[in-house]
């Protein structure tokens, strides 16, 4: 029996699950995404915690321990009686087949393997056993739904989805679970009776991102700064030591991955590949390419193509809010102690961070910005940009380069009140626009678009410069 009532957001994902369940053939469905993103919760809630067989891999276990775990789960969930332990995965999957063939159901036979990559211990031949199970048994039926989940996105993509062996093209459906956007975050918080104003919800998002596990820990009776203090700075804070689990549980050579995100955390606007090599000390080649790909697939970084579409100018930016917050405020230990975060309210250090974090929020909500501008149907290339001449340089938070020969040059400003453009700032904006036009030699119309919390103050400078404006409320649409 399917249950959608407890699931917040995930409308497209639920629609996809509905289609898969109603499919007239066997389906091999791979779900992957960042740790704590809610993969297990989504599948369990949708199927009301009822499966014909379910199991989760063991972290850092041996092949023998994984097989023991499998045998134990099978004994508990079936009527099978077997004395000898499964010696290998072929035997284990054969026993699973025996259990499933005794099932009598009009619906799909639903199997759920969580943290699939953990089963794949060295020289275990787990993938071979899985291949044989699917190819020799499941594909000969029309009623099997095999759901596999994994936080190790690189393994899920490289070993499973892009498999070149017996599982080549066997994955019939896949889903990458993304963090909640602001609208879904608000919905989750309201479901917890946490009715914060949107300004405070954005403050939470800056530190926690749209990670359901993190957001579920928010206390309704506390303000956003108080919640950040309790979760990230207090000695017993749930997320105080989250960083040490985050990358080490996903990547075997986690040190390289942590090094790359640390380097990216030092430049809010992002770095090109050559700059990453220079600052990290990691040589160019297959290893760096794999690390960057893995981090992007796992949702920790984003890459933005340049306007000239040259690969060497691709910009890599740290997009995981918690990781960025960790390197800025937690790692050094400088801001630890009672009320340390509360005491930073209105401090320039916190204000500067909020400005950069708001830029990332805007980059993550381009669809909402385009909707507010009435151009959601217009194809566009959305990039961050920096460049300059010998005399002047410029950095632009977000460019929406449209197919209809217009570029929205977006300035993102996080402020406590309506944002005022004065003479000095208007001159900076004019200079930025002029530099952009000179460097890019664009023939498109350039529209200055202000993205702010509470809108802009209408004055002569704003009236002359600003073509469009988007507010915080638009980001929640």
Foldseek 3Di string as FASTA:
>chain_A
DFADVVDFDCPVVLVVVVCQQPFQAEAEEEEEAFPLQCPVVVVCRGVVNDALAEAEADFPDDLQVRQVRLVVRLVVNFVDDDDDGDPALLSSLVSVVVRVVVDDDPTAREYEYEQVVNNPDPPRCNVVSVLCSCPVPRRVGGRYYYYYYHLLLLCCVVCAVCNPPSNHVVRPYYYYRDADALQSLCVLCVVVVQNDDLLQSLLLCLAQNRRVSLSVQADSVDTSLVSCCQQQFDPPHVCVPVVVCRQVRRDVPSVLLLLQLLQQLVPLQFDFPVVSCVVSVDDDDDVVVSSLVSCVSNPQKDWAADPVRDNRPIGIHGLRSNSSCCSLPRPVVPQHDPCSSVVCVVPPSVQVSSQSSQLSSCVVQVCLVCVQVVNNVWDWRKGWDWDFDPVDIATFSIWTGTPVQEIEGEDEHEDPEAAEQDPVNLVVVVVRVVGVCVVVVRPGHYAYEYEYAHYHDDDPSCVVHHDYYHHSVSSND
